[in-house]
N, C-alpha and C. Protein backbone atom coordinates (compact mmCIF):
# COMPACT_ATOMS: atom_id res chain seq x y z
N MET A 1 0.83 -1.12 -0.09
CA MET A 1 0.03 -0.05 0.18
C MET A 1 0.63 1.14 0.37
N ALA A 2 2.03 1.39 0.87
CA ALA A 2 2.52 2.32 0.69
C ALA A 2 3.02 2.58 -0.69
N ARG A 3 3.60 1.55 -1.60
CA ARG A 3 4.46 2.11 -2.76
C ARG A 3 3.45 3.06 -3.75
N ASN A 4 1.94 2.90 -3.59
CA ASN A 4 0.73 3.33 -4.14
C ASN A 4 0.95 4.62 -4.03
N LYS A 5 0.79 5.06 -2.30
CA LYS A 5 0.65 6.08 -2.17
C LYS A 5 1.71 6.94 -2.61
N SER A 6 2.93 6.43 -2.56
CA SER A 6 4.39 7.58 -3.09
C SER A 6 4.08 7.54 -4.54
N LYS A 7 3.35 6.47 -5.30
CA LYS A 7 3.61 6.66 -6.22
C LYS A 7 2.28 7.70 -6.83
N ARG A 8 1.42 8.32 -5.78
CA ARG A 8 0.59 9.35 -6.17
C ARG A 8 1.14 10.87 -6.28
N ASN A 9 1.78 10.66 -5.07
CA ASN A 9 2.62 11.77 -4.94
C ASN A 9 3.87 12.30 -6.11
N SER A 10 3.23 13.06 -7.30
CA SER A 10 4.94 13.06 -8.53
C SER A 10 5.89 13.95 -8.37
N LYS A 11 5.42 14.93 -7.45
CA LYS A 11 6.29 15.92 -7.35
C LYS A 11 7.21 15.49 -5.62
N SER A 12 8.31 15.77 -5.68
CA SER A 12 8.99 15.08 -4.69
C SER A 12 8.65 16.05 -3.30
N LYS A 13 9.00 15.51 -1.86
CA LYS A 13 8.80 16.19 -0.80
C LYS A 13 9.98 16.93 -0.10
N ILE A 14 10.97 17.13 -1.37
CA ILE A 14 12.05 17.86 -1.11
C ILE A 14 11.59 18.89 -2.12
N ARG A 15 11.87 20.42 -1.34
CA ARG A 15 12.04 21.69 -1.62
C ARG A 15 13.33 22.23 -1.88
N ASN A 16 13.33 23.30 -2.56
CA ASN A 16 14.60 23.63 -2.65
C ASN A 16 14.59 24.98 -3.00
N ASN A 17 15.52 26.09 -2.81
CA ASN A 17 15.83 27.52 -2.84
C ASN A 17 17.13 27.88 -3.85
N ILE A 18 16.85 26.74 -5.14
CA ILE A 18 17.43 26.99 -6.24
C ILE A 18 17.76 28.28 -7.00
N ARG A 19 16.22 28.30 -7.38
CA ARG A 19 16.06 29.40 -8.03
C ARG A 19 16.40 31.03 -7.27
N ARG A 20 16.27 31.02 -6.06
CA ARG A 20 16.44 32.30 -5.28
C ARG A 20 18.26 32.47 -5.21
N LEU A 21 18.53 31.05 -4.82
CA LEU A 21 19.92 31.24 -5.03
C LEU A 21 20.52 31.59 -6.05
N ARG A 22 20.29 31.15 -6.85
CA ARG A 22 20.96 31.69 -8.89
C ARG A 22 20.50 32.97 -8.76
N PHE A 23 19.91 33.48 -8.10
CA PHE A 23 19.51 35.26 -8.72
C PHE A 23 20.40 35.94 -7.27
N GLU A 24 20.57 35.37 -6.38
CA GLU A 24 21.54 35.94 -5.37
C GLU A 24 22.95 35.54 -5.77
N ALA A 25 23.13 34.86 -6.46
CA ALA A 25 24.34 34.31 -6.89
C ALA A 25 24.91 35.01 -8.58
N ASP A 26 24.48 36.56 -8.51
CA ASP A 26 24.63 37.46 -9.75
C ASP A 26 24.15 36.87 -10.53
N GLU A 27 22.63 36.32 -10.32
CA GLU A 27 21.42 35.74 -11.63
C GLU A 27 22.44 34.81 -12.16
N MET A 28 23.20 34.08 -11.74
CA MET A 28 23.74 32.63 -12.16
C MET A 28 22.71 32.19 -13.46
N THR A 29 23.19 31.78 -14.55
CA THR A 29 21.99 31.02 -15.63
C THR A 29 21.74 29.40 -15.36
N GLN A 30 21.05 28.61 -15.14
CA GLN A 30 20.62 27.20 -15.04
C GLN A 30 21.74 26.86 -16.06
N GLN A 31 22.31 27.01 -16.62
CA GLN A 31 23.38 26.61 -17.43
C GLN A 31 24.62 26.45 -16.76
N ALA A 32 25.12 27.58 -16.04
CA ALA A 32 26.13 27.88 -15.08
C ALA A 32 25.97 26.71 -14.14
N LEU A 33 25.07 27.03 -13.59
CA LEU A 33 24.70 25.77 -12.21
C LEU A 33 25.31 24.28 -13.01
N ALA A 34 24.61 24.05 -13.84
CA ALA A 34 24.76 22.83 -14.32
C ALA A 34 26.60 22.52 -14.73
N ASP A 35 27.18 23.53 -14.92
CA ASP A 35 28.47 23.20 -15.37
C ASP A 35 28.63 23.25 -14.36
N LYS A 36 28.82 24.17 -13.43
CA LYS A 36 29.81 24.13 -12.24
C LYS A 36 29.57 22.44 -11.51
N VAL A 37 28.54 21.79 -11.31
CA VAL A 37 28.15 20.85 -10.93
C VAL A 37 28.20 19.85 -11.56
N GLY A 38 28.24 19.59 -12.80
CA GLY A 38 28.47 18.62 -13.77
C GLY A 38 27.48 17.84 -14.25
N VAL A 39 26.06 18.59 -14.75
CA VAL A 39 24.51 17.73 -14.87
C VAL A 39 25.00 18.70 -16.51
N SER A 40 23.21 18.18 -16.62
CA SER A 40 22.61 19.24 -17.56
C SER A 40 22.34 20.02 -16.96
N ARG A 41 21.52 21.38 -18.18
CA ARG A 41 20.70 22.25 -17.65
C ARG A 41 19.46 21.64 -17.24
N GLN A 42 19.02 20.52 -18.01
CA GLN A 42 17.52 19.80 -17.96
C GLN A 42 17.49 19.29 -16.45
N THR A 43 18.59 18.82 -16.05
CA THR A 43 18.40 18.02 -14.52
C THR A 43 18.26 19.36 -13.55
N ILE A 44 18.97 20.53 -14.01
CA ILE A 44 18.48 21.34 -12.61
C ILE A 44 17.37 22.18 -12.92
N VAL A 45 17.07 22.12 -14.35
CA VAL A 45 15.11 22.06 -14.54
C VAL A 45 14.39 21.21 -13.68
N ALA A 46 14.66 20.37 -14.00
CA ALA A 46 13.82 19.20 -12.95
C ALA A 46 14.30 19.19 -11.56
N ILE A 47 15.13 19.18 -11.30
CA ILE A 47 15.48 19.57 -9.81
C ILE A 47 14.91 21.19 -9.04
N GLU A 48 15.07 22.11 -9.94
CA GLU A 48 14.40 23.51 -9.35
C GLU A 48 12.91 23.41 -9.27
N LYS A 49 12.26 22.32 -10.37
CA LYS A 49 10.63 22.45 -10.74
C LYS A 49 10.23 21.32 -9.30
N GLY A 50 11.30 20.74 -8.48
CA GLY A 50 10.80 19.41 -8.07
C GLY A 50 9.88 18.29 -8.23
N ASN A 51 10.88 17.98 -9.44
CA ASN A 51 10.26 16.77 -10.13
C ASN A 51 11.03 15.86 -10.06
N TYR A 52 12.40 16.08 -9.89
CA TYR A 52 13.25 15.22 -9.66
C TYR A 52 14.12 15.78 -8.67
N SER A 53 14.54 14.41 -7.22
CA SER A 53 15.44 14.62 -6.70
C SER A 53 16.85 14.47 -6.62
N PRO A 54 17.95 15.06 -6.69
CA PRO A 54 19.35 15.14 -6.95
C PRO A 54 19.66 13.72 -5.64
N SER A 55 21.26 13.17 -6.12
CA SER A 55 21.46 12.11 -5.39
C SER A 55 21.92 13.19 -4.48
N LEU A 56 22.52 12.67 -3.24
CA LEU A 56 23.33 13.31 -1.92
C LEU A 56 24.60 13.85 -2.82
N GLU A 57 25.15 13.18 -3.61
CA GLU A 57 26.57 14.04 -3.87
C GLU A 57 26.10 15.00 -4.59
N LEU A 58 25.30 15.13 -5.44
CA LEU A 58 24.60 16.22 -6.58
C LEU A 58 24.08 17.25 -5.29
N ALA A 59 23.65 17.00 -4.02
CA ALA A 59 23.18 17.94 -3.77
C ALA A 59 24.24 18.95 -2.77
N PHE A 60 25.07 17.89 -2.37
CA PHE A 60 26.25 18.67 -1.60
C PHE A 60 27.20 19.74 -2.73
N ARG A 61 27.44 19.02 -3.68
CA ARG A 61 28.06 19.78 -5.11
C ARG A 61 27.06 21.41 -5.40
N MET A 62 25.94 21.35 -5.28
CA MET A 62 25.11 22.10 -5.70
C MET A 62 25.04 23.05 -4.24
N ALA A 63 25.14 22.94 -2.93
CA ALA A 63 25.16 23.94 -1.93
C ALA A 63 26.69 24.44 -1.89
N ARG A 64 27.96 23.68 -2.52
CA ARG A 64 29.20 24.11 -2.50
C ARG A 64 28.93 24.97 -3.65
N ALA A 65 28.30 25.08 -4.47
CA ALA A 65 28.35 26.08 -5.69
C ALA A 65 27.97 27.30 -5.20
N PHE A 66 26.62 27.04 -4.12
CA PHE A 66 26.49 28.54 -3.52
C PHE A 66 27.28 29.12 -2.46
N ARG A 67 28.12 27.99 -2.58
CA ARG A 67 28.82 28.48 -0.98
C ARG A 67 27.92 28.41 0.61
N THR A 68 26.85 27.41 0.06
CA THR A 68 26.03 27.37 1.19
C THR A 68 25.59 26.47 1.75
N PRO A 69 24.99 26.44 3.01
CA PRO A 69 24.90 25.17 3.86
C PRO A 69 23.63 24.16 3.30
N LEU A 70 23.93 23.16 3.19
CA LEU A 70 23.01 22.03 2.54
C LEU A 70 21.67 22.55 2.73
N GLU A 71 21.36 22.55 3.70
CA GLU A 71 20.25 22.84 4.18
C GLU A 71 19.20 24.07 3.88
N GLU A 72 20.61 24.82 3.40
CA GLU A 72 19.39 26.43 3.31
C GLU A 72 19.51 25.95 1.39
N VAL A 73 19.53 25.25 0.83
CA VAL A 73 19.69 24.70 -0.68
C VAL A 73 18.25 23.79 -0.63
N PHE A 74 18.07 22.50 0.17
CA PHE A 74 17.17 21.46 -0.33
C PHE A 74 16.73 21.81 1.60
N MET A 75 15.28 21.01 1.28
CA MET A 75 14.19 21.16 2.90
C MET A 75 13.60 19.76 2.34
N TYR A 76 13.47 18.99 3.18
CA TYR A 76 12.47 17.79 3.64
C TYR A 76 11.40 18.35 4.10
N GLU A 77 9.99 18.19 3.35
CA GLU A 77 8.89 18.14 3.66
C GLU A 77 8.03 16.99 4.25
N GLU A 78 7.99 16.85 5.49
CA GLU A 78 7.08 15.77 6.04
C GLU A 78 5.62 16.09 5.49
N ALA A 79 4.76 14.57 5.39
CA ALA A 79 3.06 14.95 5.51
C ALA A 79 2.69 15.10 6.56
N ASP A 80 1.49 15.85 7.02
CA ASP A 80 1.17 15.51 8.50
C ASP A 80 1.18 14.23 9.08
N SER A 81 0.25 13.35 7.85
CA SER A 81 -0.01 12.13 8.65
C SER A 81 1.26 11.39 9.48
N GLU A 82 2.37 11.52 8.43
CA GLU A 82 3.30 10.83 8.92
C GLU A 82 3.96 11.47 10.17
N ASN A 83 4.08 12.62 10.40
CA ASN A 83 4.34 13.29 11.46
C ASN A 83 4.05 12.79 13.10
N THR A 84 2.38 12.59 12.82
CA THR A 84 1.63 12.62 14.02
C THR A 84 2.00 11.11 14.73
N GLY A 85 2.62 10.22 13.78
CA GLY A 85 3.04 8.78 14.35
C GLY A 85 1.99 7.52 14.70
N THR A 86 1.08 8.26 13.84
CA THR A 86 -0.23 6.79 14.27
C THR A 86 -0.64 6.33 12.87
């Protein structure tokens, strides 16, 4: 049953501040960020939109590219029902 539940939520529970961080980083383009971290621009687009969750390694590379802690780039949002423990 848990498998079906996770498939219903196509968007990731991982949220990010990539767009804001790119803007604050002298309006860095998606392509420039992609080049810095070694992925395609399309991967950056998908991560920004929440359609794809990066690997842990890529998440750290992105945080390093912005010279900011990982927690300022990515946040994990839990569903209310998961927080209640019931």
